[in-house]
All heavy atoms as atom14 arrays in JSON, in Angstrom:
{
  "sequence": "SITPGGSTNYADSVKGRFTISRDNAKNTVYLQMNSLKSEDTAVYYC",
  "atom14_mask": [
    [1, 1, 1, 1, 1, 1, 0, 0, 0, 0, 0, 0, 0, 0],
    [1, 1, 1, 1, 1, 1, 1, 1, 0, 0, 0, 0, 0, 0],
    [1, 1, 1, 1, 1, 1, 1, 0, 0, 0, 0, 0, 0, 0],
    [1, 1, 1, 1, 1, 1, 1, 0, 0, 0, 0, 0, 0, 0],
    [1, 1, 1, 1, 0, 0, 0, 0, 0, 0, 0, 0, 0, 0],
    [1, 1, 1, 1, 0, 0, 0, 0, 0, 0, 0, 0, 0, 0],
    [1, 1, 1, 1, 1, 1, 0, 0, 0, 0, 0, 0, 0, 0],
    [1, 1, 1, 1, 1, 1, 1, 0, 0, 0, 0, 0, 0, 0],
    [1, 1, 1, 1, 1, 1, 1, 1, 0, 0, 0, 0, 0, 0],
    [1, 1, 1, 1, 1, 1, 1, 1, 1, 1, 1, 1, 0, 0],
    [1, 1, 1, 1, 1, 0, 0, 0, 0, 0, 0, 0, 0, 0],
    [1, 1, 1, 1, 1, 1, 1, 1, 0, 0, 0, 0, 0, 0],
    [1, 1, 1, 1, 1, 1, 0, 0, 0, 0, 0, 0, 0, 0],
    [1, 1, 1, 1, 1, 1, 1, 0, 0, 0, 0, 0, 0, 0],
    [1, 1, 1, 1, 1, 1, 1, 1, 1, 0, 0, 0, 0, 0],
    [1, 1, 1, 1, 0, 0, 0, 0, 0, 0, 0, 0, 0, 0],
    [1, 1, 1, 1, 1, 1, 1, 1, 1, 1, 1, 0, 0, 0],
    [1, 1, 1, 1, 1, 1, 1, 1, 1, 1, 1, 0, 0, 0],
    [1, 1, 1, 1, 1, 1, 1, 0, 0, 0, 0, 0, 0, 0],
    [1, 1, 1, 1, 1, 1, 1, 1, 0, 0, 0, 0, 0, 0],
    [1, 1, 1, 1, 1, 1, 0, 0, 0, 0, 0, 0, 0, 0],
    [1, 1, 1, 1, 1, 1, 1, 1, 1, 1, 1, 0, 0, 0],
    [1, 1, 1, 1, 1, 1, 1, 1, 0, 0, 0, 0, 0, 0],
    [1, 1, 1, 1, 1, 1, 1, 1, 0, 0, 0, 0, 0, 0],
    [1, 1, 1, 1, 1, 0, 0, 0, 0, 0, 0, 0, 0, 0],
    [1, 1, 1, 1, 1, 1, 1, 1, 1, 0, 0, 0, 0, 0],
    [1, 1, 1, 1, 1, 1, 1, 1, 0, 0, 0, 0, 0, 0],
    [1, 1, 1, 1, 1, 1, 1, 0, 0, 0, 0, 0, 0, 0],
    [1, 1, 1, 1, 1, 1, 1, 0, 0, 0, 0, 0, 0, 0],
    [1, 1, 1, 1, 1, 1, 1, 1, 1, 1, 1, 1, 0, 0],
    [1, 1, 1, 1, 1, 1, 1, 1, 0, 0, 0, 0, 0, 0],
    [1, 1, 1, 1, 1, 1, 1, 1, 1, 0, 0, 0, 0, 0],
    [1, 1, 1, 1, 1, 1, 1, 1, 0, 0, 0, 0, 0, 0],
    [1, 1, 1, 1, 1, 1, 1, 1, 0, 0, 0, 0, 0, 0],
    [1, 1, 1, 1, 1, 1, 0, 0, 0, 0, 0, 0, 0, 0],
    [1, 1, 1, 1, 1, 1, 1, 1, 0, 0, 0, 0, 0, 0],
    [1, 1, 1, 1, 1, 1, 1, 1, 1, 0, 0, 0, 0, 0],
    [1, 1, 1, 1, 1, 1, 0, 0, 0, 0, 0, 0, 0, 0],
    [1, 1, 1, 1, 1, 1, 1, 1, 1, 0, 0, 0, 0, 0],
    [1, 1, 1, 1, 1, 1, 1, 1, 0, 0, 0, 0, 0, 0],
    [1, 1, 1, 1, 1, 1, 1, 0, 0, 0, 0, 0, 0, 0],
    [1, 1, 1, 1, 1, 0, 0, 0, 0, 0, 0, 0, 0, 0],
    [1, 1, 1, 1, 1, 1, 1, 0, 0, 0, 0, 0, 0, 0],
    [1, 1, 1, 1, 1, 1, 1, 1, 1, 1, 1, 1, 0, 0],
    [1, 1, 1, 1, 1, 1, 1, 1, 1, 1, 1, 1, 0, 0],
    [1, 1, 1, 1, 1, 1, 0, 0, 0, 0, 0, 0, 0, 0]
  ],
  "atom14_positions": [
    [[-132.3, -4.98, -146.34], [-131.78, -6.15, -147.03], [-132.69, -6.47, -148.19], [-133.86, -6.08, -148.23], [-131.65, -7.35, -146.09], [-132.91, -7.76, -145.6], [0.0, 0.0, 0.0], [0.0, 0.0, 0.0], [0.0, 0.0, 0.0], [0.0, 0.0, 0.0], [0.0, 0.0, 0.0], [0.0, 0.0, 0.0], [0.0, 0.0, 0.0], [0.0, 0.0, 0.0]],
    [[-132.14, -7.23, -149.14], [-132.91, -7.58, -150.32], [-132.46, -8.95, -150.82], [-131.28, -9.26, -150.87], [-132.75, -6.5, -151.42], [-133.63, -6.8, -152.62], [-131.28, -6.33, -151.82], [-133.74, -5.64, -153.59], [0.0, 0.0, 0.0], [0.0, 0.0, 0.0], [0.0, 0.0, 0.0], [0.0, 0.0, 0.0], [0.0, 0.0, 0.0], [0.0, 0.0, 0.0]],
    [[-133.43, -9.76, -151.19], [-133.16, -11.09, -151.71], [-132.91, -11.01, -153.21], [-133.19, -10.0, -153.85], [-134.34, -12.04, -151.44], [-135.45, -11.66, -152.27], [-134.76, -12.01, -149.99], [0.0, 0.0, 0.0], [0.0, 0.0, 0.0], [0.0, 0.0, 0.0], [0.0, 0.0, 0.0], [0.0, 0.0, 0.0], [0.0, 0.0, 0.0], [0.0, 0.0, 0.0]],
    [[-132.39, -12.09, -153.8], [-132.2, -12.09, -155.25], [-133.48, -11.82, -156.02], [-133.43, -11.25, -157.12], [-131.68, -13.51, -155.53], [-130.98, -13.88, -154.27], [-131.84, -13.31, -153.18], [0.0, 0.0, 0.0], [0.0, 0.0, 0.0], [0.0, 0.0, 0.0], [0.0, 0.0, 0.0], [0.0, 0.0, 0.0], [0.0, 0.0, 0.0], [0.0, 0.0, 0.0]],
    [[-134.61, -12.24, -155.48], [-135.89, -12.02, -156.14], [-136.49, -10.66, -155.91], [-137.54, -10.34, -156.49], [0.0, 0.0, 0.0], [0.0, 0.0, 0.0], [0.0, 0.0, 0.0], [0.0, 0.0, 0.0], [0.0, 0.0, 0.0], [0.0, 0.0, 0.0], [0.0, 0.0, 0.0], [0.0, 0.0, 0.0], [0.0, 0.0, 0.0], [0.0, 0.0, 0.0]],
    [[-135.86, -9.85, -155.06], [-136.34, -8.5, -154.84], [-137.16, -8.27, -153.59], [-137.66, -7.16, -153.38], [0.0, 0.0, 0.0], [0.0, 0.0, 0.0], [0.0, 0.0, 0.0], [0.0, 0.0, 0.0], [0.0, 0.0, 0.0], [0.0, 0.0, 0.0], [0.0, 0.0, 0.0], [0.0, 0.0, 0.0], [0.0, 0.0, 0.0], [0.0, 0.0, 0.0]],
    [[-137.3, -9.27, -152.74], [-138.01, -9.07, -151.48], [-137.14, -8.24, -150.55], [-135.94, -8.5, -150.41], [-138.35, -10.41, -150.83], [-139.24, -11.15, -151.62], [0.0, 0.0, 0.0], [0.0, 0.0, 0.0], [0.0, 0.0, 0.0], [0.0, 0.0, 0.0], [0.0, 0.0, 0.0], [0.0, 0.0, 0.0], [0.0, 0.0, 0.0], [0.0, 0.0, 0.0]],
    [[-137.74, -7.25, -149.9], [-136.98, -6.31, -149.1], [-137.39, -6.34, -147.64], [-138.5, -6.74, -147.29], [-137.13, -4.89, -149.63], [-138.52, -4.53, -149.63], [-136.58, -4.78, -151.05], [0.0, 0.0, 0.0], [0.0, 0.0, 0.0], [0.0, 0.0, 0.0], [0.0, 0.0, 0.0], [0.0, 0.0, 0.0], [0.0, 0.0, 0.0], [0.0, 0.0, 0.0]],
    [[-136.49, -5.88, -146.82], [-136.72, -5.74, -145.39], [-136.03, -4.46, -144.93], [-134.89, -4.21, -145.32], [-136.17, -6.96, -144.64], [-136.44, -6.88, -143.15], [-137.56, -6.65, -142.72], [-135.41, -7.09, -142.34], [0.0, 0.0, 0.0], [0.0, 0.0, 0.0], [0.0, 0.0, 0.0], [0.0, 0.0, 0.0], [0.0, 0.0, 0.0], [0.0, 0.0, 0.0]],
    [[-136.73, -3.67, -144.13], [-136.2, -2.4, -143.67], [-136.31, -2.27, -142.17], [-137.25, -2.77, -141.55], [-136.96, -1.23, -144.29], [-136.86, -1.11, -145.77], [-137.82, -1.67, -146.61], [-135.8, -0.41, -146.37], [-137.73, -1.56, -147.98], [-135.71, -0.29, -147.73], [-136.68, -0.86, -148.54], [-136.58, -0.74, -149.91], [0.0, 0.0, 0.0], [0.0, 0.0, 0.0]],
    [[-135.34, -1.57, -141.6], [-135.46, -1.16, -140.22], [-136.62, -0.17, -140.11], [-136.86, 0.63, -141.01], [-134.17, -0.52, -139.74], [0.0, 0.0, 0.0], [0.0, 0.0, 0.0], [0.0, 0.0, 0.0], [0.0, 0.0, 0.0], [0.0, 0.0, 0.0], [0.0, 0.0, 0.0], [0.0, 0.0, 0.0], [0.0, 0.0, 0.0], [0.0, 0.0, 0.0]],
    [[-137.32, -0.22, -138.99], [-138.46, 0.68, -138.81], [-138.05, 2.15, -138.93], [-138.84, 2.97, -139.42], [-139.09, 0.45, -137.44], [-139.85, -0.86, -137.36], [-140.21, -1.42, -138.41], [-140.11, -1.32, -136.23], [0.0, 0.0, 0.0], [0.0, 0.0, 0.0], [0.0, 0.0, 0.0], [0.0, 0.0, 0.0], [0.0, 0.0, 0.0], [0.0, 0.0, 0.0]],
    [[-136.86, 2.46, -138.51], [-136.4, 3.84, -138.52], [-136.22, 4.43, -139.91], [-136.15, 5.65, -140.06], [-135.09, 3.97, -137.74], [-134.08, 3.17, -138.32], [0.0, 0.0, 0.0], [0.0, 0.0, 0.0], [0.0, 0.0, 0.0], [0.0, 0.0, 0.0], [0.0, 0.0, 0.0], [0.0, 0.0, 0.0], [0.0, 0.0, 0.0], [0.0, 0.0, 0.0]],
    [[-136.13, 3.59, -140.93], [-135.89, 4.09, -142.28], [-137.04, 3.8, -143.25], [-136.98, 4.23, -144.41], [-134.58, 3.54, -142.87], [-133.42, 3.82, -141.93], [-134.69, 2.05, -143.18], [0.0, 0.0, 0.0], [0.0, 0.0, 0.0], [0.0, 0.0, 0.0], [0.0, 0.0, 0.0], [0.0, 0.0, 0.0], [0.0, 0.0, 0.0], [0.0, 0.0, 0.0]],
    [[-138.04, 3.09, -142.8], [-139.16, 2.76, -143.67], [-139.82, 4.02, -144.2], [-140.07, 4.98, -143.46], [-140.2, 1.92, -142.91], [-139.79, 0.48, -142.69], [-140.89, -0.29, -141.98], [-140.48, -1.75, -141.8], [-141.51, -2.52, -141.05], [0.0, 0.0, 0.0], [0.0, 0.0, 0.0], [0.0, 0.0, 0.0], [0.0, 0.0, 0.0], [0.0, 0.0, 0.0]],
    [[-140.08, 4.01, -145.49], [-140.69, 5.16, -146.12], [-139.7, 6.19, -146.6], [-140.07, 7.09, -147.37], [0.0, 0.0, 0.0], [0.0, 0.0, 0.0], [0.0, 0.0, 0.0], [0.0, 0.0, 0.0], [0.0, 0.0, 0.0], [0.0, 0.0, 0.0], [0.0, 0.0, 0.0], [0.0, 0.0, 0.0], [0.0, 0.0, 0.0], [0.0, 0.0, 0.0]],
    [[-138.46, 6.1, -146.16], [-137.43, 7.06, -146.55], [-136.32, 6.43, -147.39], [-135.78, 7.09, -148.28], [-136.8, 7.7, -145.31], [-137.8, 8.46, -144.43], [-137.1, 9.24, -143.32], [-136.36, 8.36, -142.41], [-135.05, 8.43, -142.21], [-134.32, 9.33, -142.86], [-134.46, 7.59, -141.36], [0.0, 0.0, 0.0], [0.0, 0.0, 0.0], [0.0, 0.0, 0.0]],
    [[-135.97, 5.2, -147.08], [-134.9, 4.52, -147.79], [-135.47, 3.45, -148.71], [-136.5, 2.83, -148.4], [-133.94, 3.84, -146.81], [-133.1, 4.77, -145.98], [-133.33, 6.13, -145.95], [-132.06, 4.26, -145.21], [-132.56, 6.98, -145.18], [-131.27, 5.09, -144.45], [-131.51, 6.46, -144.42], [0.0, 0.0, 0.0], [0.0, 0.0, 0.0], [0.0, 0.0, 0.0]],
    [[-134.79, 3.21, -149.79], [-135.19, 2.16, -150.73], [-133.96, 1.37, -151.13], [-132.97, 1.94, -151.61], [-135.85, 2.73, -151.98], [-137.01, 3.49, -151.62], [-136.28, 1.59, -152.91], [0.0, 0.0, 0.0], [0.0, 0.0, 0.0], [0.0, 0.0, 0.0], [0.0, 0.0, 0.0], [0.0, 0.0, 0.0], [0.0, 0.0, 0.0], [0.0, 0.0, 0.0]],
    [[-134.01, 0.06, -150.92], [-132.92, -0.79, -151.34], [-133.3, -1.46, -152.65], [-134.47, -1.82, -152.86], [-132.57, -1.84, -150.25], [-131.28, -2.59, -150.62], [-133.73, -2.81, -150.02], [-130.75, -3.46, -149.48], [0.0, 0.0, 0.0], [0.0, 0.0, 0.0], [0.0, 0.0, 0.0], [0.0, 0.0, 0.0], [0.0, 0.0, 0.0], [0.0, 0.0, 0.0]],
    [[-132.35, -1.63, -153.52], [-132.58, -2.29, -154.79], [-131.3, -3.0, -155.21], [-130.24, -2.78, -154.63], [-133.02, -1.3, -155.88], [-132.03, -0.31, -156.09], [0.0, 0.0, 0.0], [0.0, 0.0, 0.0], [0.0, 0.0, 0.0], [0.0, 0.0, 0.0], [0.0, 0.0, 0.0], [0.0, 0.0, 0.0], [0.0, 0.0, 0.0], [0.0, 0.0, 0.0]],
    [[-131.41, -3.85, -156.2], [-130.21, -4.55, -156.67], [-130.32, -4.82, -158.17], [-131.41, -4.93, -158.73], [-130.0, -5.86, -155.91], [-131.07, -6.92, -156.11], [-130.89, -8.07, -155.11], [-129.78, -8.94, -155.46], [-129.3, -9.89, -154.65], [-129.82, -10.06, -153.43], [-128.28, -10.66, -155.05], [0.0, 0.0, 0.0], [0.0, 0.0, 0.0], [0.0, 0.0, 0.0]],
    [[-129.17, -4.92, -158.78], [-129.06, -5.27, -160.17], [-128.24, -6.55, -160.2], [-127.02, -6.53, -160.06], [-128.37, -4.16, -160.97], [-128.34, -4.43, -162.45], [-128.38, -5.61, -162.86], [-128.3, -3.46, -163.23], [0.0, 0.0, 0.0], [0.0, 0.0, 0.0], [0.0, 0.0, 0.0], [0.0, 0.0, 0.0], [0.0, 0.0, 0.0], [0.0, 0.0, 0.0]],
    [[-128.92, -7.67, -160.35], [-128.25, -8.96, -160.28], [-127.22, -9.14, -161.4], [-126.2, -9.78, -161.22], [-129.27, -10.09, -160.33], [-130.13, -10.15, -159.08], [-129.69, -9.77, -158.0], [-131.36, -10.62, -159.23], [0.0, 0.0, 0.0], [0.0, 0.0, 0.0], [0.0, 0.0, 0.0], [0.0, 0.0, 0.0], [0.0, 0.0, 0.0], [0.0, 0.0, 0.0]],
    [[-127.51, -8.56, -162.56], [-126.58, -8.68, -163.68], [-125.27, -7.96, -163.4], [-124.22, -8.34, -163.92], [-127.21, -8.14, -164.95], [0.0, 0.0, 0.0], [0.0, 0.0, 0.0], [0.0, 0.0, 0.0], [0.0, 0.0, 0.0], [0.0, 0.0, 0.0], [0.0, 0.0, 0.0], [0.0, 0.0, 0.0], [0.0, 0.0, 0.0], [0.0, 0.0, 0.0]],
    [[-125.33, -6.91, -162.58], [-124.15, -6.14, -162.25], [-123.58, -6.47, -160.88], [-122.6, -5.87, -160.44], [-124.46, -4.64, -162.31], [-124.84, -4.14, -163.67], [-125.11, -2.64, -163.66], [-125.46, -2.12, -165.03], [-125.74, -0.67, -165.02], [0.0, 0.0, 0.0], [0.0, 0.0, 0.0], [0.0, 0.0, 0.0], [0.0, 0.0, 0.0], [0.0, 0.0, 0.0]],
    [[-124.22, -7.42, -160.19], [-123.81, -7.79, -158.84], [-123.71, -6.57, -157.93], [-122.78, -6.43, -157.14], [-122.46, -8.54, -158.86], [-122.55, -9.9, -159.51], [-123.59, -10.55, -159.46], [-121.45, -10.35, -160.1], [0.0, 0.0, 0.0], [0.0, 0.0, 0.0], [0.0, 0.0, 0.0], [0.0, 0.0, 0.0], [0.0, 0.0, 0.0], [0.0, 0.0, 0.0]],
    [[-124.69, -5.73, -158.05], [-124.67, -4.45, -157.34], [-125.94, -4.24, -156.54], [-127.04, -4.56, -157.0], [-124.5, -3.29, -158.34], [-123.26, -3.46, -159.05], [-124.45, -1.95, -157.61], [0.0, 0.0, 0.0], [0.0, 0.0, 0.0], [0.0, 0.0, 0.0], [0.0, 0.0, 0.0], [0.0, 0.0, 0.0], [0.0, 0.0, 0.0], [0.0, 0.0, 0.0]],
    [[-125.78, -3.68, -155.35], [-126.9, -3.32, -154.51], [-126.84, -1.82, -154.25], [-125.75, -1.25, -154.15], [-126.9, -4.11, -153.19], [-125.66, -3.81, -152.35], [-128.17, -3.83, -152.39], [0.0, 0.0, 0.0], [0.0, 0.0, 0.0], [0.0, 0.0, 0.0], [0.0, 0.0, 0.0], [0.0, 0.0, 0.0], [0.0, 0.0, 0.0], [0.0, 0.0, 0.0]],
    [[-128.0, -1.19, -154.18], [-128.08, 0.24, -153.99], [-128.92, 0.56, -152.75], [-129.77, -0.21, -152.33], [-128.73, 0.92, -155.2], [-128.08, 0.61, -156.52], [-128.55, -0.45, -157.29], [-127.03, 1.37, -156.99], [-127.96, -0.74, -158.51], [-126.44, 1.09, -158.21], [-126.91, 0.03, -158.96], [-126.32, -0.26, -160.17], [0.0, 0.0, 0.0], [0.0, 0.0, 0.0]],
    [[-128.68, 1.71, -152.2], [-129.52, 2.22, -151.12], [-129.8, 3.67, -151.41], [-128.9, 4.52, -151.29], [-128.84, 2.07, -149.75], [-129.71, 2.47, -148.57], [-130.87, 1.5, -148.4], [-128.88, 2.52, -147.28], [0.0, 0.0, 0.0], [0.0, 0.0, 0.0], [0.0, 0.0, 0.0], [0.0, 0.0, 0.0], [0.0, 0.0, 0.0], [0.0, 0.0, 0.0]],
    [[-131.04, 3.95, -151.8], [-131.47, 5.33, -152.01], [-131.98, 5.86, -150.69], [-132.92, 5.31, -150.12], [-132.57, 5.38, -153.07], [-133.12, 6.78, -153.33], [-132.11, 7.7, -153.95], [-131.43, 7.33, -154.89], [-131.99, 8.9, -153.4], [0.0, 0.0, 0.0], [0.0, 0.0, 0.0], [0.0, 0.0, 0.0], [0.0, 0.0, 0.0], [0.0, 0.0, 0.0]],
    [[-131.37, 6.92, -150.21], [-131.71, 7.49, -148.91], [-132.29, 8.88, -149.12], [-131.59, 9.78, -149.59], [-130.49, 7.54, -148.01], [-129.8, 6.2, -147.8], [-128.44, 6.27, -146.61], [-127.28, 7.28, -147.54], [0.0, 0.0, 0.0], [0.0, 0.0, 0.0], [0.0, 0.0, 0.0], [0.0, 0.0, 0.0], [0.0, 0.0, 0.0], [0.0, 0.0, 0.0]],
    [[-133.54, 9.04, -148.78], [-134.23, 10.31, -148.91], [-134.62, 10.83, -147.53], [-134.67, 10.09, -146.56], [-135.47, 10.17, -149.78], [-135.17, 9.74, -151.2], [-134.14, 10.09, -151.75], [-136.09, 8.99, -151.8], [0.0, 0.0, 0.0], [0.0, 0.0, 0.0], [0.0, 0.0, 0.0], [0.0, 0.0, 0.0], [0.0, 0.0, 0.0], [0.0, 0.0, 0.0]],
    [[-134.93, 12.11, -147.49], [-135.37, 12.74, -146.24], [-134.43, 12.41, -145.1], [-134.86, 12.03, -144.0], [-136.8, 12.32, -145.91], [-137.69, 12.65, -146.95], [0.0, 0.0, 0.0], [0.0, 0.0, 0.0], [0.0, 0.0, 0.0], [0.0, 0.0, 0.0], [0.0, 0.0, 0.0], [0.0, 0.0, 0.0], [0.0, 0.0, 0.0], [0.0, 0.0, 0.0]],
    [[-133.16, 12.57, -145.34], [-132.16, 12.2, -144.35], [-132.25, 13.04, -143.09], [-132.55, 14.24, -143.15], [-130.77, 12.29, -144.95], [-130.4, 11.14, -145.88], [-129.24, 11.52, -146.77], [-130.06, 9.89, -145.06], [0.0, 0.0, 0.0], [0.0, 0.0, 0.0], [0.0, 0.0, 0.0], [0.0, 0.0, 0.0], [0.0, 0.0, 0.0], [0.0, 0.0, 0.0]],
    [[-132.01, 12.37, -141.99], [-132.03, 13.0, -140.67], [-130.66, 12.89, -140.03], [-129.85, 12.06, -140.42], [-133.07, 12.31, -139.77], [-134.47, 12.23, -140.33], [-135.36, 11.39, -139.43], [-136.76, 11.29, -139.98], [-137.63, 10.46, -139.09], [0.0, 0.0, 0.0], [0.0, 0.0, 0.0], [0.0, 0.0, 0.0], [0.0, 0.0, 0.0], [0.0, 0.0, 0.0]],
    [[-130.42, 13.72, -139.03], [-129.15, 13.66, -138.34], [-128.92, 12.29, -137.71], [-127.78, 11.83, -137.6], [-129.07, 14.75, -137.25], [-130.1, 14.59, -136.3], [0.0, 0.0, 0.0], [0.0, 0.0, 0.0], [0.0, 0.0, 0.0], [0.0, 0.0, 0.0], [0.0, 0.0, 0.0], [0.0, 0.0, 0.0], [0.0, 0.0, 0.0], [0.0, 0.0, 0.0]],
    [[-130.0, 11.63, -137.32], [-129.89, 10.29, -136.74], [-129.38, 9.25, -137.73], [-129.0, 8.14, -137.32], [-131.26, 9.82, -136.2], [-131.91, 10.8, -135.25], [-132.9, 11.7, -135.95], [-132.46, 12.77, -136.46], [-134.1, 11.37, -136.0], [0.0, 0.0, 0.0], [0.0, 0.0, 0.0], [0.0, 0.0, 0.0], [0.0, 0.0, 0.0], [0.0, 0.0, 0.0]],
    [[-129.38, 9.57, -139.01], [-128.88, 8.66, -140.03], [-127.37, 8.71, -140.16], [-126.79, 7.9, -140.9], [-129.52, 8.96, -141.38], [-131.02, 8.75, -141.37], [-131.49, 7.75, -140.81], [-131.73, 9.6, -141.96], [0.0, 0.0, 0.0], [0.0, 0.0, 0.0], [0.0, 0.0, 0.0], [0.0, 0.0, 0.0], [0.0, 0.0, 0.0], [0.0, 0.0, 0.0]],
    [[-126.74, 9.65, -139.49], [-125.3, 9.77, -139.55], [-124.64, 8.5, -139.02], [-124.88, 8.09, -137.88], [-124.81, 10.98, -138.76], [-125.3, 12.18, -139.36], [-123.28, 11.03, -138.74], [0.0, 0.0, 0.0], [0.0, 0.0, 0.0], [0.0, 0.0, 0.0], [0.0, 0.0, 0.0], [0.0, 0.0, 0.0], [0.0, 0.0, 0.0], [0.0, 0.0, 0.0]],
    [[-123.81, 7.88, -139.83], [-123.17, 6.62, -139.45], [-122.24, 6.2, -140.58], [-122.23, 6.78, -141.66], [-124.22, 5.54, -139.2], [0.0, 0.0, 0.0], [0.0, 0.0, 0.0], [0.0, 0.0, 0.0], [0.0, 0.0, 0.0], [0.0, 0.0, 0.0], [0.0, 0.0, 0.0], [0.0, 0.0, 0.0], [0.0, 0.0, 0.0], [0.0, 0.0, 0.0]],
    [[-121.45, 5.18, -140.29], [-120.73, 4.5, -141.34], [-121.63, 3.4, -141.87], [-122.14, 2.58, -141.09], [-119.4, 3.9, -140.83], [-118.7, 3.13, -141.94], [-118.49, 5.0, -140.3], [0.0, 0.0, 0.0], [0.0, 0.0, 0.0], [0.0, 0.0, 0.0], [0.0, 0.0, 0.0], [0.0, 0.0, 0.0], [0.0, 0.0, 0.0], [0.0, 0.0, 0.0]],
    [[-121.84, 3.4, -143.15], [-122.72, 2.42, -143.78], [-121.89, 1.32, -144.43], [-120.96, 1.6, -145.19], [-123.62, 3.09, -144.82], [-124.74, 3.87, -144.19], [-124.5, 5.05, -143.49], [-126.06, 3.41, -144.28], [-125.53, 5.76, -142.89], [-127.09, 4.12, -143.69], [-126.83, 5.29, -142.99], [-127.86, 5.99, -142.41], [0.0, 0.0, 0.0], [0.0, 0.0, 0.0]],
    [[-122.24, 0.09, -144.13], [-121.51, -1.06, -144.62], [-122.39, -1.92, -145.52], [-123.51, -2.27, -145.16], [-121.02, -1.94, -143.46], [-120.03, -1.27, -142.55], [-120.46, -0.57, -141.42], [-118.66, -1.35, -142.79], [-119.55, 0.04, -140.56], [-117.75, -0.74, -141.95], [-118.2, -0.05, -140.83], [-117.3, 0.54, -139.99], [0.0, 0.0, 0.0], [0.0, 0.0, 0.0]],
    [[-121.87, -2.25, -146.66], [-122.52, -3.2, -147.54], [-122.23, -4.61, -147.06], [-121.14, -4.91, -146.55], [-121.99, -3.01, -148.97], [-122.64, -4.16, -150.19], [0.0, 0.0, 0.0], [0.0, 0.0, 0.0], [0.0, 0.0, 0.0], [0.0, 0.0, 0.0], [0.0, 0.0, 0.0], [0.0, 0.0, 0.0], [0.0, 0.0, 0.0], [0.0, 0.0, 0.0]]
  ]
}
């Protein structure tokens, strides 16, 4: 999760691998997922 000011919170299972960011001007949030594992397989919901 990410606040309007950019403060982030991550599940322990994805720390160091995933990065959340947002562009407030575009009302858009992103999730960069690196070093993906089979355990990451899921439906992801914004």
